[in-house]
Amino acid sequence: MNKLGINFGSAGNPSYQDLNFKMHVPLNKKLQLAVFALGGKSDIALLDNGDDSSKWTFGRAGRDIHFGSRLHLRAPICNTM
């Protein structure tokens, strides 16, 4: 977003990735297995360590702060037809 000239008020550039899928596997005429999964991660680095103190924009001024999260979920489901 910074490349587009949109300023969100912080010096960090967030990054996001996600993945999801669902598969159906027939086991026989009356039974099928369904598997689904969700996953994602996000990260942001607020780098303020080398900046002039008059330009500090967030609480822990003068420090580099790194945030991130991860989510993974997998589940098999058996269905009868």
C-alpha atoms as a PDB file:
ATOM      1  CA  MET A   1       0.000   0.000   0.000  1.00  0.00           C
ATOM      2  CA  ASN A   2       2.907   2.334   0.621  1.00  0.00           C
ATOM      3  CA  LYS A   3       3.862   2.008  -3.068  1.00  0.00           C
ATOM      4  CA  LEU A   4       0.388   3.309  -3.952  1.00  0.00           C
ATOM      5  CA  GLY A   5       0.873   6.323  -1.699  1.00  0.00           C
ATOM      6  CA  ILE A   6      -1.572   5.150   0.976  1.00  0.00           C
ATOM      7  CA  ASN A   7      -0.321   5.968   4.472  1.00  0.00           C
ATOM      8  CA  PHE A   8      -1.767   3.994   7.406  1.00  0.00           C
ATOM      9  CA  GLY A   9       0.208   5.958   9.997  1.00  0.00           C
ATOM     10  CA  SER A  10       2.928   3.408  10.691  1.00  0.00           C
ATOM     11  CA  ALA A  11       6.255   2.644   9.096  1.00  0.00           C
ATOM     12  CA  GLY A  12       5.561  -1.092   8.770  1.00  0.00           C
ATOM     13  CA  ASN A  13       4.697  -3.073   5.673  1.00  0.00           C
ATOM     14  CA  PRO A  14       2.425  -6.044   6.429  1.00  0.00           C
ATOM     15  CA  SER A  15       2.640  -9.336   4.536  1.00  0.00           C
ATOM     16  CA  TYR A  16      -0.132 -11.926   4.299  1.00  0.00           C
ATOM     17  CA  GLN A  17      -0.419 -15.464   2.941  1.00  0.00           C
ATOM     18  CA  ASP A  18      -3.294 -17.911   3.117  1.00  0.00           C
ATOM     19  CA  LEU A  19      -4.332 -21.307   1.789  1.00  0.00           C
ATOM     20  CA  ASN A  20      -7.548 -23.305   1.885  1.00  0.00           C
ATOM     21  CA  PHE A  21      -8.811 -26.451   0.195  1.00  0.00           C
ATOM     22  CA  LYS A  22     -11.479 -29.127   0.388  1.00  0.00           C
ATOM     23  CA  MET A  23     -11.240 -32.594  -1.185  1.00  0.00           C
ATOM     24  CA  HIS A  24     -13.854 -35.310  -1.589  1.00  0.00           C
ATOM     25  CA  VAL A  25     -12.658 -38.914  -1.993  1.00  0.00           C
ATOM     26  CA  PRO A  26     -15.277 -41.624  -2.609  1.00  0.00           C
ATOM     27  CA  LEU A  27     -14.404 -44.755  -0.612  1.00  0.00           C
ATOM     28  CA  ASN A  28     -17.266 -46.925  -1.872  1.00  0.00           C
ATOM     29  CA  LYS A  29     -20.847 -46.466  -3.164  1.00  0.00           C
ATOM     30  CA  LYS A  30     -22.172 -45.244   0.183  1.00  0.00           C
ATOM     31  CA  LEU A  31     -19.183 -43.666   1.902  1.00  0.00           C
ATOM     32  CA  GLN A  32     -17.031 -40.701   1.039  1.00  0.00           C
ATOM     33  CA  LEU A  33     -14.195 -38.979   2.839  1.00  0.00           C
ATOM     34  CA  ALA A  34     -13.984 -35.188   2.853  1.00  0.00           C
ATOM     35  CA  VAL A  35     -10.859 -33.386   4.030  1.00  0.00           C
ATOM     36  CA  PHE A  36     -10.541 -29.646   4.426  1.00  0.00           C
ATOM     37  CA  ALA A  37      -7.772 -27.387   5.625  1.00  0.00           C
ATOM     38  CA  LEU A  38      -7.285 -23.702   6.363  1.00  0.00           C
ATOM     39  CA  GLY A  39      -4.004 -21.972   6.940  1.00  0.00           C
ATOM     40  CA  GLY A  40      -2.544 -18.534   6.979  1.00  0.00           C
ATOM     41  CA  LYS A  41       0.161 -16.290   8.294  1.00  0.00           C
ATOM     42  CA  SER A  42       0.751 -12.585   8.650  1.00  0.00           C
ATOM     43  CA  ASP A  43       3.752 -10.527   9.643  1.00  0.00           C
ATOM     44  CA  ILE A  44       4.601  -6.879  10.138  1.00  0.00           C
ATOM     45  CA  ALA A  45       7.817  -5.191  11.204  1.00  0.00           C
ATOM     46  CA  LEU A  46       7.693  -1.698  12.704  1.00  0.00           C
ATOM     47  CA  LEU A  47      11.276  -0.564  12.328  1.00  0.00           C
ATOM     48  CA  ASP A  48      12.001   2.589  14.297  1.00  0.00           C
ATOM     49  CA  ASN A  49      15.447   1.981  15.781  1.00  0.00           C
ATOM     50  CA  GLY A  50      17.466   4.202  13.452  1.00  0.00           C
ATOM     51  CA  ASP A  51      14.944   7.020  12.991  1.00  0.00           C
ATOM     52  CA  ASP A  52      15.103  10.508  14.395  1.00  0.00           C
ATOM     53  CA  SER A  53      13.241  10.637  17.737  1.00  0.00           C
ATOM     54  CA  SER A  54      11.007  13.469  16.482  1.00  0.00           C
ATOM     55  CA  LYS A  55       9.549  11.045  13.873  1.00  0.00           C
ATOM     56  CA  TRP A  56       8.620   8.211  16.257  1.00  0.00           C
ATOM     57  CA  THR A  57       5.053   7.131  15.537  1.00  0.00           C
ATOM     58  CA  PHE A  58       4.166   4.394  18.035  1.00  0.00           C
ATOM     59  CA  GLY A  59       4.402   3.477  21.710  1.00  0.00           C
ATOM     60  CA  ARG A  60       7.761   1.729  21.934  1.00  0.00           C
ATOM     61  CA  ALA A  61       9.574   4.579  20.245  1.00  0.00           C
ATOM     62  CA  GLY A  62      13.140   3.933  19.178  1.00  0.00           C
ATOM     63  CA  ARG A  63      12.737   0.128  19.086  1.00  0.00           C
ATOM     64  CA  ASP A  64      12.187  -2.352  16.286  1.00  0.00           C
ATOM     65  CA  ILE A  65       8.983  -4.348  16.827  1.00  0.00           C
ATOM     66  CA  HIS A  66       8.019  -7.541  14.952  1.00  0.00           C
ATOM     67  CA  PHE A  67       4.495  -9.008  15.074  1.00  0.00           C
ATOM     68  CA  GLY A  68       3.223 -12.168  13.443  1.00  0.00           C
ATOM     69  CA  SER A  69       0.544 -14.825  13.622  1.00  0.00           C
ATOM     70  CA  ARG A  70      -0.003 -18.321  12.257  1.00  0.00           C
ATOM     71  CA  LEU A  71      -3.189 -20.380  11.885  1.00  0.00           C
ATOM     72  CA  HIS A  72      -3.496 -24.009  10.764  1.00  0.00           C
ATOM     73  CA  LEU A  73      -6.636 -26.153  10.845  1.00  0.00           C
ATOM     74  CA  ARG A  74      -7.145 -29.615   9.327  1.00  0.00           C
ATOM     75  CA  ALA A  75     -10.160 -31.893   9.660  1.00  0.00           C
ATOM     76  CA  PRO A  76     -11.297 -35.155   8.050  1.00  0.00           C
ATOM     77  CA  ILE A  77     -15.042 -35.821   7.745  1.00  0.00           C
ATOM     78  CA  CYS A  78     -16.697 -39.117   6.741  1.00  0.00           C
ATOM     79  CA  ASN A  79     -20.088 -38.860   5.037  1.00  0.00           C
ATOM     80  CA  THR A  80     -22.558 -41.569   4.082  1.00  0.00           C
ATOM     81  CA  MET A  81     -24.654 -41.166   0.946  1.00  0.00           C
END
